Protein backbone atom coordinates (compact mmCIF):
# COMPACT_ATOMS: atom_id res chain seq x y z
CA MET A 1 0.00 0.00 0.00
CA TYR A 2 2.74 2.49 0.95
CA ARG A 3 4.98 1.75 -2.04
CA LYS A 4 2.14 1.79 -4.59
CA HIS A 5 0.04 4.69 -3.33
CA VAL A 6 1.37 6.71 -0.38
CA LYS A 7 5.07 7.05 -1.27
CA ARG A 8 4.51 8.96 -4.52
CA SER A 9 2.03 11.35 -2.91
CA ALA A 10 4.47 12.02 -0.07
CA ASP A 11 7.27 12.64 -2.58
CA VAL A 12 5.21 15.21 -4.49
CA CYS A 13 4.17 17.09 -1.35
CA LEU A 14 7.62 17.12 0.24
CA ALA A 15 9.46 17.95 -3.01
CA ALA A 16 7.11 20.86 -3.72
CA LEU A 17 7.53 22.13 -0.18
CA GLY A 18 11.29 21.66 -0.41
CA LEU A 19 11.54 23.66 -3.64
CA LEU A 20 9.42 26.43 -2.13
CA VAL A 21 11.43 26.63 1.11
CA THR A 22 14.83 26.43 -0.60
CA ALA A 23 13.98 28.83 -3.44
CA PRO A 24 16.13 31.66 -2.01
CA ALA A 25 19.05 29.24 -1.49
CA LEU A 26 18.61 27.84 -5.01
CA LEU A 27 18.74 31.33 -6.50
CA THR A 28 21.83 32.21 -4.45
CA LEU A 29 23.55 28.99 -5.49
CA MET A 30 22.71 29.58 -9.16
CA ILE A 31 24.43 32.96 -8.99
CA ALA A 32 27.41 31.52 -7.10
CA VAL A 33 27.85 28.62 -9.54
CA LYS A 34 27.57 30.99 -12.51
CA THR A 35 30.18 33.31 -11.00
CA ARG A 36 32.68 30.68 -9.86
CA LEU A 37 32.26 27.84 -12.33
CA GLY A 38 30.61 29.44 -15.35
CA SER A 39 27.80 28.19 -17.53
CA PRO A 40 25.79 26.07 -17.67
CA VAL A 41 24.78 26.33 -14.02
CA PHE A 42 23.23 22.88 -13.99
CA PHE A 43 24.82 19.52 -14.67
CA VAL A 44 22.32 17.41 -16.60
CA GLN A 45 23.02 13.75 -17.33
CA THR A 46 20.93 10.81 -18.48
CA ARG A 47 20.64 8.14 -15.79
CA PRO A 48 18.60 4.90 -15.59
CA GLY A 49 15.53 5.21 -13.39
CA PHE A 50 12.54 3.05 -12.49
CA ARG A 51 12.76 -0.25 -14.41
CA GLY A 52 15.90 1.06 -16.09
CA GLN A 53 14.08 3.75 -18.05
CA PRO A 54 16.38 6.72 -18.81
CA PHE A 55 15.70 10.18 -17.43
CA ARG A 56 17.65 13.42 -17.23
CA MET A 57 18.96 14.02 -13.73
CA VAL A 58 19.63 17.64 -12.76
CA LYS A 59 22.29 18.81 -10.29
CA PHE A 60 24.35 21.94 -9.75
CA ARG A 61 27.63 21.69 -11.62
CA THR A 62 30.68 21.26 -9.39
CA MET A 63 33.52 21.15 -11.94
CA THR A 64 35.04 23.51 -14.48
CA ASP A 65 35.50 22.78 -18.18
CA ALA A 66 39.30 22.97 -17.95
CA ARG A 67 41.02 21.14 -20.82
CA ASP A 68 44.54 20.12 -21.77
CA VAL A 69 46.50 21.48 -24.76
CA HIS A 70 44.74 18.94 -27.01
CA GLY A 71 41.28 20.10 -26.01
CA ASN A 72 40.49 17.08 -23.84
CA LEU A 73 38.79 17.54 -20.49
CA LEU A 74 41.17 17.24 -17.55
CA PRO A 75 40.56 14.46 -14.97
CA ASP A 76 37.68 15.09 -12.56
CA GLY A 77 40.03 15.69 -9.64
CA GLU A 78 41.72 18.56 -11.47
CA ARG A 79 38.44 20.19 -12.52
CA LEU A 80 36.82 19.93 -9.09
CA THR A 81 37.36 23.27 -7.39
CA ARG A 82 37.28 24.10 -3.70
CA PHE A 83 33.80 25.56 -4.20
CA GLY A 84 32.74 22.41 -6.02
CA ARG A 85 34.00 20.25 -3.15
CA PHE A 86 31.99 22.41 -0.75
CA LEU A 87 28.82 21.87 -2.80
CA ARG A 88 29.38 18.11 -2.82
CA SER A 89 30.34 17.78 0.84
CA THR A 90 27.21 19.68 1.94
CA SER A 91 25.04 17.94 -0.70
CA LEU A 92 23.87 21.36 -1.91
CA ASP A 93 24.59 20.21 -5.46
CA GLU A 94 21.73 17.70 -5.05
CA LEU A 95 19.01 20.30 -4.36
CA PRO A 96 17.86 20.57 -8.01
CA GLU A 97 17.00 16.86 -7.88
CA LEU A 98 13.87 17.90 -5.99
CA TRP A 99 12.58 18.80 -9.46
CA ASN A 100 13.26 15.22 -10.59
CA VAL A 101 11.23 14.02 -7.62
CA LEU A 102 8.37 16.38 -8.46
CA THR A 103 8.26 15.16 -12.09
CA GLY A 104 8.23 11.52 -11.01
CA ASP A 105 11.67 10.48 -12.26
CA MET A 106 13.04 10.11 -8.73
CA SER A 107 11.91 9.64 -5.16
CA LEU A 108 13.22 11.30 -2.03
CA VAL A 109 14.43 7.89 -0.83
CA GLY A 110 15.74 5.05 -2.97
CA PRO A 111 18.92 3.68 -4.56
CA ARG A 112 21.05 6.44 -6.07
CA PRO A 113 20.78 6.70 -9.89
CA LEU A 114 24.07 5.47 -11.32
CA LEU A 115 25.65 5.81 -14.76
CA THR A 116 23.85 4.28 -17.72
CA GLU A 117 27.03 2.51 -18.77
CA TYR A 118 26.88 0.40 -15.60
CA LEU A 119 23.65 -1.34 -16.64
CA ASP A 120 25.39 -4.12 -18.57
CA LEU A 121 27.70 -4.80 -15.62
CA TYR A 122 25.01 -5.64 -13.07
CA THR A 123 24.36 -9.14 -11.85
CA PRO A 124 20.72 -10.34 -12.13
CA ALA A 125 20.28 -9.58 -8.43
CA GLN A 126 21.78 -6.07 -8.71
CA ARG A 127 19.33 -5.17 -11.48
CA HIS A 128 16.54 -5.32 -8.90
CA ARG A 129 17.74 -1.95 -7.59
CA HIS A 130 15.66 -0.55 -10.47
CA ASP A 131 12.45 -2.10 -9.11
CA VAL A 132 11.87 1.21 -7.31
CA ARG A 133 12.43 4.84 -8.29
CA PRO A 134 15.99 6.08 -7.65
CA GLY A 135 16.35 8.43 -4.71
CA ILE A 136 18.16 11.56 -3.60
CA THR A 137 19.21 9.59 -0.53
CA GLY A 138 19.06 5.96 0.50
CA LEU A 139 20.36 3.24 2.80
CA ALA A 140 23.83 3.32 1.23
CA GLN A 141 24.06 7.08 1.73
CA ILE A 142 23.37 6.89 5.47
CA ASN A 143 25.67 3.91 5.99
CA GLY A 144 28.90 5.18 4.50
CA ARG A 145 28.14 6.85 1.19
CA ASN A 146 31.24 6.74 -1.06
CA ALA A 147 33.36 5.15 1.66
CA LEU A 148 31.52 1.87 0.93
CA THR A 149 32.62 -0.70 -1.61
CA TRP A 150 30.40 -1.23 -4.63
CA ASP A 151 29.22 -4.60 -3.30
CA GLU A 152 28.26 -2.95 -0.01
CA LYS A 153 26.34 -0.22 -1.84
CA PHE A 154 24.40 -2.76 -3.88
CA ALA A 155 23.65 -4.81 -0.77
CA PHE A 156 22.10 -1.75 0.90
CA ASP A 157 20.17 -0.90 -2.30
CA LEU A 158 18.66 -4.37 -2.48
CA GLU A 159 17.86 -4.34 1.22
CA TYR A 160 15.92 -1.12 0.65
CA VAL A 161 13.99 -2.61 -2.28
CA ARG A 162 12.95 -5.53 -0.07
CA SER A 163 12.02 -3.50 2.99
CA CYS A 164 10.70 -0.19 1.64
CA SER A 165 8.15 1.25 4.08
CA PHE A 166 7.00 4.53 5.58
CA ALA A 167 9.03 3.82 8.71
CA SER A 168 12.23 3.06 6.78
CA ASP A 169 11.87 6.14 4.55
CA THR A 170 11.30 8.37 7.56
CA ARG A 171 14.32 6.91 9.34
CA ILE A 172 16.52 7.34 6.26
CA LEU A 173 15.47 10.97 5.76
CA LEU A 174 16.19 11.82 9.40
CA ARG A 175 19.56 10.08 9.36
CA THR A 176 20.45 11.83 6.11
CA LEU A 177 20.39 15.16 7.94
CA GLY A 178 23.05 13.91 10.32
CA GLN A 179 25.09 12.47 7.46
CA VAL A 180 25.03 15.79 5.60
CA ILE A 181 26.02 17.75 8.70
CA SER A 182 28.93 15.41 9.47
CA ARG A 183 30.05 15.33 5.78
CA ARG A 184 31.24 11.75 6.22
CA GLY A 185 31.97 9.51 3.25
CA VAL A 186 31.73 12.25 0.62
CA THR A 187 34.69 10.95 -1.35
CA GLN A 188 36.68 7.78 -1.62
CA PRO A 189 40.44 8.18 -0.97
CA GLY A 190 42.24 8.86 -4.23
CA HIS A 191 39.07 9.75 -6.16
CA ALA A 192 37.06 12.91 -6.82
CA SER A 193 33.98 11.01 -5.64
CA ALA A 194 34.21 7.21 -5.98
CA GLU A 195 35.97 4.65 -8.15
CA ARG A 196 34.19 3.51 -11.27
CA PHE A 197 32.10 0.36 -11.10
CA MET A 198 33.79 -2.38 -13.12
CA GLY A 199 31.36 -5.20 -12.33
CA SER A 200 31.11 -7.53 -9.35
CA VAL A 201 33.40 -10.53 -9.07
CA PRO A 202 31.34 -13.73 -9.55
CA GLN A 203 31.22 -15.88 -6.42
CA CYS A 204 30.63 -19.60 -5.81
CA GLY A 205 30.89 -20.38 -9.51
CA VAL A 206 27.97 -18.14 -10.44
CA SER A 207 28.69 -16.11 -13.55
CA ARG A 208 27.52 -12.57 -14.13
């Protein structure tokens, strides 16, 4: 009942309220991003959503367009500025995703939407993370974020899919506030955010 009927209604109400309350902050951040990082202000990327259907996820940009002498973009770590790191560590770059929640592409709580190129690397079990809408926050985000291994992230995602409820969503949202304040697990050592997913190692003779 909650997953099929109540969750979406709660998402719409809370996302609309969130956009209204944070409107002054969103405007201020748009100006700051424009001034410090240039245009476009938003980072828009296609990600797989519910049942793997693609959608365009919107975030504040956190990196410059700095390129080498050959015109190629520099590595993420070199394009991520101090201001960009601040946006990521405070999760302010995620605020525009409230629009994705309002339009139905995302939920407030659910597995984070990953890169489209990862789809072919999932095990059959990992693909079930797309049985629910992707979220702005989720179990993996409150239990270590980017400090987790990929297998740990997927384990939390699948646990959420199995146990999604009003109580679990409420608990995750409340714990997310503490996670954002503490700024724990924002990046993985040696990476601008986290290492790329290269596929899980098959175990017990089970192939991917």
